[in-house]
PDB file of N, CA and C in Angstrom:
ATOM      1  N   MET A   1       0.854  -1.155   0.000  1.00  0.00           N
ATOM      2  CA  MET A   1       0.000   0.000   0.000  1.00  0.00           C
ATOM      3  C   MET A   1       0.907   1.226   0.000  1.00  0.00           C
ATOM      4  N   SER A   2       0.967   1.950  -1.083  1.00  0.00           N
ATOM      5  CA  SER A   2       1.756   3.172  -1.151  1.00  0.00           C
ATOM      6  C   SER A   2       0.850   4.369  -0.933  1.00  0.00           C
ATOM      7  N   VAL A   3       1.392   5.350  -0.265  1.00  0.00           N
ATOM      8  CA  VAL A   3       0.633   6.562  -0.012  1.00  0.00           C
ATOM      9  C   VAL A   3       1.569   7.754  -0.045  1.00  0.00           C
ATOM     10  N   ARG A   4       1.009   8.904  -0.307  1.00  0.00           N
ATOM     11  CA  ARG A   4       1.783  10.135  -0.196  1.00  0.00           C
ATOM     12  C   ARG A   4       1.751  10.485   1.278  1.00  0.00           C
ATOM     13  N   PHE A   5       2.878  10.443   1.932  1.00  0.00           N
ATOM     14  CA  PHE A   5       2.902  10.521   3.381  1.00  0.00           C
ATOM     15  C   PHE A   5       4.159  11.231   3.832  1.00  0.00           C
ATOM     16  N   LEU A   6       4.014  12.301   4.546  1.00  0.00           N
ATOM     17  CA  LEU A   6       5.117  13.021   5.164  1.00  0.00           C
ATOM     18  C   LEU A   6       6.113  13.600   4.172  1.00  0.00           C
ATOM     19  N   GLY A   7       5.664  14.056   3.051  1.00  0.00           N
ATOM     20  CA  GLY A   7       6.583  14.701   2.135  1.00  0.00           C
ATOM     21  C   GLY A   7       6.190  14.527   0.693  1.00  0.00           C
ATOM     22  N   ARG A   8       7.076  14.951  -0.171  1.00  0.00           N
ATOM     23  CA  ARG A   8       6.781  14.930  -1.594  1.00  0.00           C
ATOM     24  C   ARG A   8       6.946  13.549  -2.213  1.00  0.00           C
ATOM     25  N   ARG A   9       7.757  12.694  -1.628  1.00  0.00           N
ATOM     26  CA  ARG A   9       7.984  11.383  -2.215  1.00  0.00           C
ATOM     27  C   ARG A   9       6.927  10.405  -1.748  1.00  0.00           C
ATOM     28  N   VAL A  10       6.748   9.359  -2.514  1.00  0.00           N
ATOM     29  CA  VAL A  10       5.782   8.326  -2.161  1.00  0.00           C
ATOM     30  C   VAL A  10       6.539   7.193  -1.475  1.00  0.00           C
ATOM     31  N   TYR A  11       6.112   6.864  -0.296  1.00  0.00           N
ATOM     32  CA  TYR A  11       6.725   5.779   0.471  1.00  0.00           C
ATOM     33  C   TYR A  11       5.641   4.782   0.843  1.00  0.00           C
ATOM     34  N   VAL A  12       6.040   3.586   1.102  1.00  0.00           N
ATOM     35  CA  VAL A  12       5.127   2.571   1.601  1.00  0.00           C
ATOM     36  C   VAL A  12       4.865   2.891   3.070  1.00  0.00           C
ATOM     37  N   MET A  13       3.594   2.955   3.427  1.00  0.00           N
ATOM     38  CA  MET A  13       3.240   3.321   4.791  1.00  0.00           C
ATOM     39  C   MET A  13       3.891   2.389   5.808  1.00  0.00           C
ATOM     40  N   LEU A  14       4.041   1.147   5.468  1.00  0.00           N
ATOM     41  CA  LEU A  14       4.709   0.197   6.341  1.00  0.00           C
ATOM     42  C   LEU A  14       6.110   0.673   6.683  1.00  0.00           C
ATOM     43  N   ALA A  15       6.836   1.155   5.685  1.00  0.00           N
ATOM     44  CA  ALA A  15       8.200   1.645   5.916  1.00  0.00           C
ATOM     45  C   ALA A  15       8.189   2.848   6.842  1.00  0.00           C
ATOM     46  N   VAL A  16       7.219   3.736   6.685  1.00  0.00           N
ATOM     47  CA  VAL A  16       7.139   4.922   7.533  1.00  0.00           C
ATOM     48  C   VAL A  16       6.941   4.511   8.988  1.00  0.00           C
ATOM     49  N   VAL A  17       6.061   3.559   9.222  1.00  0.00           N
ATOM     50  CA  VAL A  17       5.793   3.113  10.591  1.00  0.00           C
ATOM     51  C   VAL A  17       7.008   2.424  11.182  1.00  0.00           C
ATOM     52  N   LEU A  18       7.522   1.433  10.481  1.00  0.00           N
ATOM     53  CA  LEU A  18       8.634   0.665  11.040  1.00  0.00           C
ATOM     54  C   LEU A  18       9.907   1.492  11.164  1.00  0.00           C
ATOM     55  N   ALA A  19      10.169   2.343  10.192  1.00  0.00           N
ATOM     56  CA  ALA A  19      11.384   3.147  10.217  1.00  0.00           C
ATOM     57  C   ALA A  19      11.333   4.222  11.293  1.00  0.00           C
ATOM     58  N   SER A  20      10.154   4.556  11.763  1.00  0.00           N
ATOM     59  CA  SER A  20      10.009   5.629  12.738  1.00  0.00           C
ATOM     60  C   SER A  20      10.091   5.162  14.183  1.00  0.00           C
ATOM     61  N   THR A  21      10.183   3.885  14.406  1.00  0.00           N
ATOM     62  CA  THR A  21      10.247   3.405  15.778  1.00  0.00           C
ATOM     63  C   THR A  21      11.595   3.749  16.384  1.00  0.00           C
ATOM     64  N   ARG A  22      11.588   4.001  17.649  1.00  0.00           N
ATOM     65  CA  ARG A  22      12.808   4.412  18.347  1.00  0.00           C
ATOM     66  C   ARG A  22      13.905   3.364  18.215  1.00  0.00           C
ATOM     67  N   SER A  23      13.559   2.097  18.198  1.00  0.00           N
ATOM     68  CA  SER A  23      14.567   1.039  18.175  1.00  0.00           C
ATOM     69  C   SER A  23      15.420   1.051  16.916  1.00  0.00           C
ATOM     70  N   VAL A  24      14.883   1.550  15.805  1.00  0.00           N
ATOM     71  CA  VAL A  24      15.691   1.580  14.584  1.00  0.00           C
ATOM     72  C   VAL A  24      16.355   2.928  14.363  1.00  0.00           C
ATOM     73  N   MET A  25      16.114   3.882  15.242  1.00  0.00           N
ATOM     74  CA  MET A  25      16.701   5.195  15.042  1.00  0.00           C
ATOM     75  C   MET A  25      18.128   5.287  15.565  1.00  0.00           C
ATOM     76  N   CYS A  26      18.640   4.227  16.204  1.00  0.00           N
ATOM     77  CA  CYS A  26      20.040   4.264  16.595  1.00  0.00           C
ATOM     78  C   CYS A  26      20.896   4.282  15.332  1.00  0.00           C
ATOM     79  N   MET A  27      22.073   4.802  15.425  1.00  0.00           N
ATOM     80  CA  MET A  27      22.885   5.093  14.246  1.00  0.00           C
ATOM     81  C   MET A  27      23.073   3.928  13.278  1.00  0.00           C
ATOM     82  N   PRO A  28      23.582   2.769  13.704  1.00  0.00           N
ATOM     83  CA  PRO A  28      23.801   1.694  12.721  1.00  0.00           C
ATOM     84  C   PRO A  28      22.504   1.202  12.078  1.00  0.00           C
ATOM     85  N   ALA A  29      21.460   1.048  12.874  1.00  0.00           N
ATOM     86  CA  ALA A  29      20.193   0.558  12.328  1.00  0.00           C
ATOM     87  C   ALA A  29      19.589   1.574  11.368  1.00  0.00           C
ATOM     88  N   ALA A  30      19.662   2.844  11.720  1.00  0.00           N
ATOM     89  CA  ALA A  30      19.104   3.882  10.847  1.00  0.00           C
ATOM     90  C   ALA A  30      19.865   3.936   9.531  1.00  0.00           C
ATOM     91  N   ALA A  31      21.173   3.793   9.589  1.00  0.00           N
ATOM     92  CA  ALA A  31      21.977   3.815   8.358  1.00  0.00           C
ATOM     93  C   ALA A  31      21.628   2.632   7.469  1.00  0.00           C
ATOM     94  N   GLN A  32      21.487   1.454   8.054  1.00  0.00           N
ATOM     95  CA  GLN A  32      21.130   0.264   7.283  1.00  0.00           C
ATOM     96  C   GLN A  32      19.742   0.407   6.675  1.00  0.00           C
ATOM     97  N   LEU A  33      18.787   0.855   7.471  1.00  0.00           N
ATOM     98  CA  LEU A  33      17.421   1.003   6.989  1.00  0.00           C
ATOM     99  C   LEU A  33      17.345   2.062   5.893  1.00  0.00           C
ATOM    100  N   SER A  34      18.043   3.154   6.089  1.00  0.00           N
ATOM    101  CA  SER A  34      18.081   4.210   5.087  1.00  0.00           C
ATOM    102  C   SER A  34      18.590   3.683   3.756  1.00  0.00           C
ATOM    103  N   ALA A  35      19.658   2.913   3.796  1.00  0.00           N
ATOM    104  CA  ALA A  35      20.231   2.349   2.571  1.00  0.00           C
ATOM    105  C   ALA A  35      19.280   1.326   1.954  1.00  0.00           C
ATOM    106  N   TYR A  36      18.711   0.461   2.770  1.00  0.00           N
ATOM    107  CA  TYR A  36      17.849  -0.599   2.267  1.00  0.00           C
ATOM    108  C   TYR A  36      16.599  -0.037   1.598  1.00  0.00           C
ATOM    109  N   LEU A  37      15.968   0.957   2.228  1.00  0.00           N
ATOM    110  CA  LEU A  37      14.733   1.532   1.701  1.00  0.00           C
ATOM    111  C   LEU A  37      14.981   2.647   0.688  1.00  0.00           C
ATOM    112  N   GLU A  38      16.241   3.029   0.546  1.00  0.00           N
ATOM    113  CA  GLU A  38      16.604   4.159  -0.313  1.00  0.00           C
ATOM    114  C   GLU A  38      15.862   5.421   0.120  1.00  0.00           C
ATOM    115  N   VAL A  39      15.808   5.605   1.427  1.00  0.00           N
ATOM    116  CA  VAL A  39      15.201   6.775   2.041  1.00  0.00           C
ATOM    117  C   VAL A  39      16.325   7.525   2.746  1.00  0.00           C
ATOM    118  N   PRO A  40      16.524   8.804   2.442  1.00  0.00           N
ATOM    119  CA  PRO A  40      17.588   9.558   3.105  1.00  0.00           C
ATOM    120  C   PRO A  40      17.429   9.546   4.626  1.00  0.00           C
ATOM    121  N   ARG A  41      18.548   9.535   5.344  1.00  0.00           N
ATOM    122  CA  ARG A  41      18.489   9.492   6.812  1.00  0.00           C
ATOM    123  C   ARG A  41      17.752  10.694   7.378  1.00  0.00           C
ATOM    124  N   HIS A  42      17.901  11.857   6.744  1.00  0.00           N
ATOM    125  CA  HIS A  42      17.177  13.024   7.271  1.00  0.00           C
ATOM    126  C   HIS A  42      15.661  12.823   7.150  1.00  0.00           C
ATOM    127  N   THR A  43      15.239  12.036   6.172  1.00  0.00           N
ATOM    128  CA  THR A  43      13.812  11.721   6.043  1.00  0.00           C
ATOM    129  C   THR A  43      13.371  10.821   7.189  1.00  0.00           C
ATOM    130  N   LEU A  44      14.199   9.848   7.562  1.00  0.00           N
ATOM    131  CA  LEU A  44      13.871   9.009   8.720  1.00  0.00           C
ATOM    132  C   LEU A  44      13.719   9.878   9.967  1.00  0.00           C
ATOM    133  N   GLY A  45      14.617  10.820  10.132  1.00  0.00           N
ATOM    134  CA  GLY A  45      14.531  11.733  11.274  1.00  0.00           C
ATOM    135  C   GLY A  45      13.281  12.596  11.228  1.00  0.00           C
ATOM    136  N   ARG A  46      12.919  13.041  10.026  1.00  0.00           N
ATOM    137  CA  ARG A  46      11.704  13.842   9.866  1.00  0.00           C
ATOM    138  C   ARG A  46      10.477  13.016  10.217  1.00  0.00           C
ATOM    139  N   TRP A  47      10.454  11.753   9.794  1.00  0.00           N
ATOM    140  CA  TRP A  47       9.327  10.879  10.141  1.00  0.00           C
ATOM    141  C   TRP A  47       9.228  10.713  11.648  1.00  0.00           C
ATOM    142  N   ARG A  48      10.370  10.500  12.285  1.00  0.00           N
ATOM    143  CA  ARG A  48      10.388  10.319  13.741  1.00  0.00           C
ATOM    144  C   ARG A  48       9.847  11.568  14.430  1.00  0.00           C
ATOM    145  N   GLN A  49      10.290  12.749  13.969  1.00  0.00           N
ATOM    146  CA  GLN A  49       9.802  14.005  14.539  1.00  0.00           C
ATOM    147  C   GLN A  49       8.309  14.158  14.330  1.00  0.00           C
ATOM    148  N   TRP A  50       7.814  13.741  13.170  1.00  0.00           N
ATOM    149  CA  TRP A  50       6.382  13.831  12.898  1.00  0.00           C
ATOM    150  C   TRP A  50       5.596  13.028  13.928  1.00  0.00           C
ATOM    151  N   TRP A  51       6.054  11.815  14.208  1.00  0.00           N
ATOM    152  CA  TRP A  51       5.369  10.981  15.189  1.00  0.00           C
ATOM    153  C   TRP A  51       5.364  11.626  16.570  1.00  0.00           C
ATOM    154  N   LEU A  52       6.459  12.261  16.947  1.00  0.00           N
ATOM    155  CA  LEU A  52       6.573  12.836  18.285  1.00  0.00           C
ATOM    156  C   LEU A  52       5.841  14.161  18.434  1.00  0.00           C
ATOM    157  N   THR A  53       5.797  14.966  17.378  1.00  0.00           N
ATOM    158  CA  THR A  53       5.248  16.314  17.526  1.00  0.00           C
ATOM    159  C   THR A  53       3.923  16.521  16.815  1.00  0.00           C
ATOM    160  N   GLN A  54       3.767  15.985  15.618  1.00  0.00           N
ATOM    161  CA  GLN A  54       2.569  16.277  14.849  1.00  0.00           C
ATOM    162  C   GLN A  54       1.476  15.225  14.980  1.00  0.00           C
ATOM    163  N   PHE A  55       1.841  13.948  15.053  1.00  0.00           N
ATOM    164  CA  PHE A  55       0.814  12.915  15.149  1.00  0.00           C
ATOM    165  C   PHE A  55      -0.112  13.140  16.344  1.00  0.00           C
ATOM    166  N   PRO A  56       0.407  13.479  17.549  1.00  0.00           N
ATOM    167  CA  PRO A  56      -0.513  13.693  18.675  1.00  0.00           C
ATOM    168  C   PRO A  56      -1.500  14.848  18.456  1.00  0.00           C
ATOM    169  N   GLN A  57      -1.214  15.727  17.498  1.00  0.00           N
ATOM    170  CA  GLN A  57      -2.085  16.864  17.216  1.00  0.00           C
ATOM    171  C   GLN A  57      -3.063  16.602  16.074  1.00  0.00           C
ATOM    172  N   THR A  58      -2.955  15.447  15.417  1.00  0.00           N
ATOM    173  CA  THR A  58      -3.832  15.166  14.282  1.00  0.00           C
ATOM    174  C   THR A  58      -5.278  14.984  14.756  1.00  0.00           C
ATOM    175  N   PRO A  59      -6.233  15.328  13.895  1.00  0.00           N
ATOM    176  CA  PRO A  59      -7.636  15.089  14.250  1.00  0.00           C
ATOM    177  C   PRO A  59      -7.907  13.609  14.579  1.00  0.00           C
ATOM    178  N   LEU A  60      -7.225  12.701  13.897  1.00  0.00           N
ATOM    179  CA  LEU A  60      -7.403  11.270  14.168  1.00  0.00           C
ATOM    180  C   LEU A  60      -7.043  10.953  15.615  1.00  0.00           C
ATOM    181  N   TRP A  61      -5.862  11.362  16.056  1.00  0.00           N
ATOM    182  CA  TRP A  61      -5.436  11.048  17.423  1.00  0.00           C
ATOM    183  C   TRP A  61      -6.260  11.828  18.441  1.00  0.00           C
ATOM    184  N   GLN A  62      -6.592  13.072  18.127  1.00  0.00           N
ATOM    185  CA  GLN A  62      -7.417  13.865  19.038  1.00  0.00           C
ATOM    186  C   GLN A  62      -8.782  13.214  19.253  1.00  0.00           C
ATOM    187  N   ALA A  63      -9.325  12.621  18.199  1.00  0.00           N
ATOM    188  CA  ALA A  63     -10.650  11.996  18.298  1.00  0.00           C
ATOM    189  C   ALA A  63     -10.610  10.609  18.922  1.00  0.00           C
ATOM    190  N   LEU A  64      -9.571   9.844  18.647  1.00  0.00           N
ATOM    191  CA  LEU A  64      -9.570   8.434  19.046  1.00  0.00           C
ATOM    192  C   LEU A  64      -8.540   8.067  20.114  1.00  0.00           C
ATOM    193  N   GLY A  65      -7.624   8.959  20.412  1.00  0.00           N
ATOM    194  CA  GLY A  65      -6.557   8.643  21.361  1.00  0.00           C
ATOM    195  C   GLY A  65      -7.046   8.240  22.737  1.00  0.00           C
ATOM    196  N   ALA A  66      -8.128   8.836  23.192  1.00  0.00           N
ATOM    197  CA  ALA A  66      -8.650   8.535  24.524  1.00  0.00           C
ATOM    198  C   ALA A  66      -9.237   7.134  24.618  1.00  0.00           C
ATOM    199  N   HIS A  67      -9.468   6.480  23.488  1.00  0.00           N
ATOM    200  CA  HIS A  67     -10.031   5.130  23.500  1.00  0.00           C
ATOM    201  C   HIS A  67      -8.980   4.064  23.806  1.00  0.00           C
ATOM    202  N   PHE A  68      -7.726   4.435  23.790  1.00  0.00           N
ATOM    203  CA  PHE A  68      -6.649   3.477  24.061  1.00  0.00           C
ATOM    204  C   PHE A  68      -6.421   3.391  25.556  1.00  0.00           C
ATOM    205  N   MET A  69      -6.595   2.188  26.090  1.00  0.00           N
ATOM    206  CA  MET A  69      -6.364   1.952  27.513  1.00  0.00           C
ATOM    207  C   MET A  69      -5.495   0.725  27.676  1.00  0.00           C
ATOM    208  N   PRO A  70      -4.375   0.849  28.324  1.00  0.00           N
ATOM    209  CA  PRO A  70      -3.795   2.079  28.830  1.00  0.00           C
ATOM    210  C   PRO A  70      -3.304   2.949  27.680  1.00  0.00           C
ATOM    211  N   PRO A  71      -3.161   4.254  27.912  1.00  0.00           N
ATOM    212  CA  PRO A  71      -2.736   5.146  26.832  1.00  0.00           C
ATOM    213  C   PRO A  71      -1.324   4.804  26.352  1.00  0.00           C
ATOM    214  N   PRO A  72      -1.106   4.815  25.046  1.00  0.00           N
ATOM    215  CA  PRO A  72       0.240   4.583  24.521  1.00  0.00           C
ATOM    216  C   PRO A  72       1.182   5.712  24.942  1.00  0.00           C
ATOM    217  N   ASP A  73       2.447   5.407  25.084  1.00  0.00           N
ATOM    218  CA  ASP A  73       3.460   6.392  25.431  1.00  0.00           C
ATOM    219  C   ASP A  73       3.771   7.226  24.194  1.00  0.00           C
ATOM    220  N   ALA A  74       3.428   8.502  24.232  1.00  0.00           N
ATOM    221  CA  ALA A  74       3.618   9.385  23.076  1.00  0.00           C
ATOM    222  C   ALA A  74       5.086   9.526  22.691  1.00  0.00           C
ATOM    223  N   GLN A  75       5.998   9.355  23.626  1.00  0.00           N
ATOM    224  CA  GLN A  75       7.426   9.446  23.318  1.00  0.00           C
ATOM    225  C   GLN A  75       7.941   8.200  22.597  1.00  0.00           C
ATOM    226  N   ARG A  76       7.103   7.182  22.523  1.00  0.00           N
ATOM    227  CA  ARG A  76       7.481   5.944  21.836  1.00  0.00           C
ATOM    228  C   ARG A  76       6.651   5.698  20.578  1.00  0.00           C
ATOM    229  N   PHE A  77       5.857   6.711  20.133  1.00  0.00           N
ATOM    230  CA  PHE A  77       5.099   6.533  18.889  1.00  0.00           C
ATOM    231  C   PHE A  77       6.067   6.244  17.765  1.00  0.00           C
ATOM    232  N   PRO A  78       5.776   5.375  16.811  1.00  0.00           N
ATOM    233  CA  PRO A  78       4.591   4.556  16.661  1.00  0.00           C
ATOM    234  C   PRO A  78       4.700   3.204  17.358  1.00  0.00           C
ATOM    235  N   ALA A  79       5.862   2.913  17.977  1.00  0.00           N
ATOM    236  CA  ALA A  79       6.060   1.605  18.604  1.00  0.00           C
ATOM    237  C   ALA A  79       5.023   1.336  19.689  1.00  0.00           C
ATOM    238  N   SER A  80       4.680   2.352  20.492  1.00  0.00           N
ATOM    239  CA  SER A  80       3.700   2.125  21.557  1.00  0.00           C
ATOM    240  C   SER A  80       2.308   1.852  20.993  1.00  0.00           C
ATOM    241  N   LEU A  81       1.999   2.428  19.834  1.00  0.00           N
ATOM    242  CA  LEU A  81       0.724   2.096  19.176  1.00  0.00           C
ATOM    243  C   LEU A  81       0.750   0.654  18.676  1.00  0.00           C
ATOM    244  N   LEU A  82       1.862   0.272  18.106  1.00  0.00           N
ATOM    245  CA  LEU A  82       2.003  -1.101  17.624  1.00  0.00           C
ATOM    246  C   LEU A  82       1.881  -2.080  18.787  1.00  0.00           C
ATOM    247  N   ASP A  83       2.458  -1.731  19.937  1.00  0.00           N
ATOM    248  CA  ASP A  83       2.324  -2.572  21.130  1.00  0.00           C
ATOM    249  C   ASP A  83       0.859  -2.728  21.518  1.00  0.00           C
ATOM    250  N   HIS A  84       0.097  -1.656  21.423  1.00  0.00           N
ATOM    251  CA  HIS A  84      -1.325  -1.716  21.763  1.00  0.00           C
ATOM    252  C   HIS A  84      -2.060  -2.690  20.848  1.00  0.00           C
ATOM    253  N   PHE A  85      -1.786  -2.604  19.550  1.00  0.00           N
ATOM    254  CA  PHE A  85      -2.466  -3.487  18.599  1.00  0.00           C
ATOM    255  C   PHE A  85      -1.965  -4.923  18.698  1.00  0.00           C
ATOM    256  N   ALA A  86      -0.827  -5.142  19.317  1.00  0.00           N
ATOM    257  CA  ALA A  86      -0.290  -6.494  19.485  1.00  0.00           C
ATOM    258  C   ALA A  86      -1.157  -7.324  20.427  1.00  0.00           C
ATOM    259  N   ALA A  87      -1.977  -6.665  21.223  1.00  0.00           N
ATOM    260  CA  ALA A  87      -2.864  -7.397  22.131  1.00  0.00           C
ATOM    261  C   ALA A  87      -3.997  -8.095  21.379  1.00  0.00           C
ATOM    262  N   SER A  88      -4.155  -7.761  20.117  1.00  0.00           N
ATOM    263  CA  SER A  88      -5.220  -8.347  19.308  1.00  0.00           C
ATOM    264  C   SER A  88      -4.768  -9.689  18.728  1.00  0.00           C
ATOM    265  N   ALA A  89      -5.751 -10.517  18.426  1.00  0.00           N
ATOM    266  CA  ALA A  89      -5.451 -11.815  17.813  1.00  0.00           C
ATOM    267  C   ALA A  89      -5.062 -11.660  16.344  1.00  0.00           C
ATOM    268  N   THR A  90      -5.472 -10.566  15.715  1.00  0.00           N
ATOM    269  CA  THR A  90      -5.137 -10.353  14.314  1.00  0.00           C
ATOM    270  C   THR A  90      -3.803  -9.625  14.197  1.00  0.00           C
ATOM    271  N   ASP A  91      -3.284  -9.528  12.999  1.00  0.00           N
ATOM    272  CA  ASP A  91      -1.987  -8.933  12.739  1.00  0.00           C
ATOM    273  C   ASP A  91      -1.908  -7.503  13.269  1.00  0.00           C
ATOM    274  N   PRO A  92      -1.047  -7.235  14.264  1.00  0.00           N
ATOM    275  CA  PRO A  92      -0.999  -5.899  14.859  1.00  0.00           C
ATOM    276  C   PRO A  92      -0.543  -4.820  13.891  1.00  0.00           C
ATOM    277  N   LEU A  93       0.407  -5.123  13.026  1.00  0.00           N
ATOM    278  CA  LEU A  93       0.874  -4.110  12.089  1.00  0.00           C
ATOM    279  C   LEU A  93      -0.229  -3.728  11.107  1.00  0.00           C
ATOM    280  N   MET A  94      -0.967  -4.707  10.624  1.00  0.00           N
ATOM    281  CA  MET A  94      -2.069  -4.414   9.713  1.00  0.00           C
ATOM    282  C   MET A  94      -3.136  -3.580  10.406  1.00  0.00           C
ATOM    283  N   ARG A  95      -3.431  -3.899  11.647  1.00  0.00           N
ATOM    284  CA  ARG A  95      -4.432  -3.119  12.396  1.00  0.00           C
ATOM    285  C   ARG A  95      -3.972  -1.688  12.592  1.00  0.00           C
ATOM    286  N   LEU A  96      -2.681  -1.493  12.879  1.00  0.00           N
ATOM    287  CA  LEU A  96      -2.154  -0.137  13.021  1.00  0.00           C
ATOM    288  C   LEU A  96      -2.241   0.615  11.697  1.00  0.00           C
ATOM    289  N   LEU A  97      -1.878  -0.051  10.606  1.00  0.00           N
ATOM    290  CA  LEU A  97      -1.952   0.601   9.296  1.00  0.00           C
ATOM    291  C   LEU A  97      -3.386   0.981   8.954  1.00  0.00           C
ATOM    292  N   LEU A  98      -4.320   0.119   9.265  1.00  0.00           N
ATOM    293  CA  LEU A  98      -5.730   0.441   9.028  1.00  0.00           C
ATOM    294  C   LEU A  98      -6.180   1.618   9.895  1.00  0.00           C
ATOM    295  N   PHE A  99      -5.718   1.656  11.128  1.00  0.00           N
ATOM    296  CA  PHE A  99      -6.038   2.768  12.019  1.00  0.00           C
ATOM    297  C   PHE A  99      -5.526   4.094  11.444  1.00  0.00           C
ATOM    298  N   LEU A 100      -4.348   4.065  10.829  1.00  0.00           N
ATOM    299  CA  LEU A 100      -3.724   5.276  10.288  1.00  0.00           C
ATOM    300  C   LEU A 100      -4.259   5.694   8.927  1.00  0.00           C
ATOM    301  N   THR A 101      -5.042   4.852   8.291  1.00  0.00           N
ATOM    302  CA  THR A 101      -5.527   5.128   6.931  1.00  0.00           C
ATOM    303  C   THR A 101      -6.139   6.520   6.767  1.00  0.00           C
ATOM    304  N   PRO A 102      -6.951   7.012   7.702  1.00  0.00           N
ATOM    305  CA  PRO A 102      -7.516   8.352   7.500  1.00  0.00           C
ATOM    306  C   PRO A 102      -6.458   9.453   7.359  1.00  0.00           C
ATOM    307  N   LEU A 103      -5.259   9.237   7.869  1.00  0.00           N
ATOM    308  CA  LEU A 103      -4.198  10.230   7.742  1.00  0.00           C
ATOM    309  C   LEU A 103      -3.590  10.258   6.345  1.00  0.00           C
ATOM    310  N   THR A 104      -3.776   9.200   5.594  1.00  0.00           N
ATOM    311  CA  THR A 104      -3.083   9.073   4.314  1.00  0.00           C
ATOM    312  C   THR A 104      -4.011   9.194   3.111  1.00  0.00           C
ATOM    313  N   THR A 105      -5.259   9.449   3.361  1.00  0.00           N
ATOM    314  CA  THR A 105      -6.214   9.603   2.272  1.00  0.00           C
ATOM    315  C   THR A 105      -6.888  10.949   2.379  1.00  0.00           C
ATOM    316  N   ARG A 106      -7.357  11.438   1.274  1.00  0.00           N
ATOM    317  CA  ARG A 106      -8.093  12.703   1.277  1.00  0.00           C
ATOM    318  C   ARG A 106      -9.574  12.396   1.141  1.00  0.00           C
ATOM    319  N   PRO A 107     -10.400  13.177   1.839  1.00  0.00           N
ATOM    320  CA  PRO A 107     -11.840  12.987   1.660  1.00  0.00           C
ATOM    321  C   PRO A 107     -12.232  13.326   0.218  1.00  0.00           C
ATOM    322  N   ILE A 108     -13.200  12.629  -0.280  1.00  0.00           N
ATOM    323  CA  ILE A 108     -13.699  12.881  -1.627  1.00  0.00           C
ATOM    324  C   ILE A 108     -14.691  14.029  -1.566  1.00  0.00           C
ATOM    325  N   ALA A 109     -14.427  15.057  -2.343  1.00  0.00           N
ATOM    326  CA  ALA A 109     -15.342  16.200  -2.375  1.00  0.00           C
ATOM    327  C   ALA A 109     -16.536  15.842  -3.245  1.00  0.00           C
ATOM    328  N   LEU A 110     -17.714  15.974  -2.694  1.00  0.00           N
ATOM    329  CA  LEU A 110     -18.931  15.689  -3.440  1.00  0.00           C
ATOM    330  C   LEU A 110     -19.303  16.927  -4.234  1.00  0.00           C
ATOM    331  N   ARG A 111     -19.658  16.729  -5.471  1.00  0.00           N
ATOM    332  CA  ARG A 111     -20.042  17.834  -6.337  1.00  0.00           C
ATOM    333  C   ARG A 111     -21.479  18.246  -6.036  1.00  0.00           C
ATOM    334  N   GLN A 112     -21.690  19.518  -6.027  1.00  0.00           N
ATOM    335  CA  GLN A 112     -23.041  20.044  -5.838  1.00  0.00           C
ATOM    336  C   GLN A 112     -23.809  19.942  -7.155  1.00  0.00           C
ATOM    337  N   GLY A 113     -25.062  19.656  -7.093  1.00  0.00           N
ATOM    338  CA  GLY A 113     -25.892  19.587  -8.296  1.00  0.00           C
ATOM    339  C   GLY A 113     -25.747  18.250  -8.992  1.00  0.00           C
ATOM    340  N   GLY A 114     -26.333  18.176 -10.119  1.00  0.00           N
ATOM    341  CA  GLY A 114     -26.495  16.944 -10.747  1.00  0.00           C
ATOM    342  C   GLY A 114     -25.603  16.368 -11.673  1.00  0.00           C
TER     343      GLY A 114
END
């Protein structure tokens, strides 16, 4: 599933989620991931910053964040969200990606008149 997400380039949403977790942001892992995905390291850093600063302000999180019990640790986004979905019997990564779908799509404008 490719989407226009966090910039001008098109990335696979899966890569954005996995690459943004704190565990891969350490220097060797980030360098390897950057090379493997052909995503510049500064882009990985930008994605990480987006999760920490902008995601908590999105209408999606503002509307649905309170439904998560216990609340995910915002300093560990998106890993803490993935941990929450891991409690489900179904694929946690797929559930997280489905949860994030409203952030990656635009509403369809309905035309007035006939």
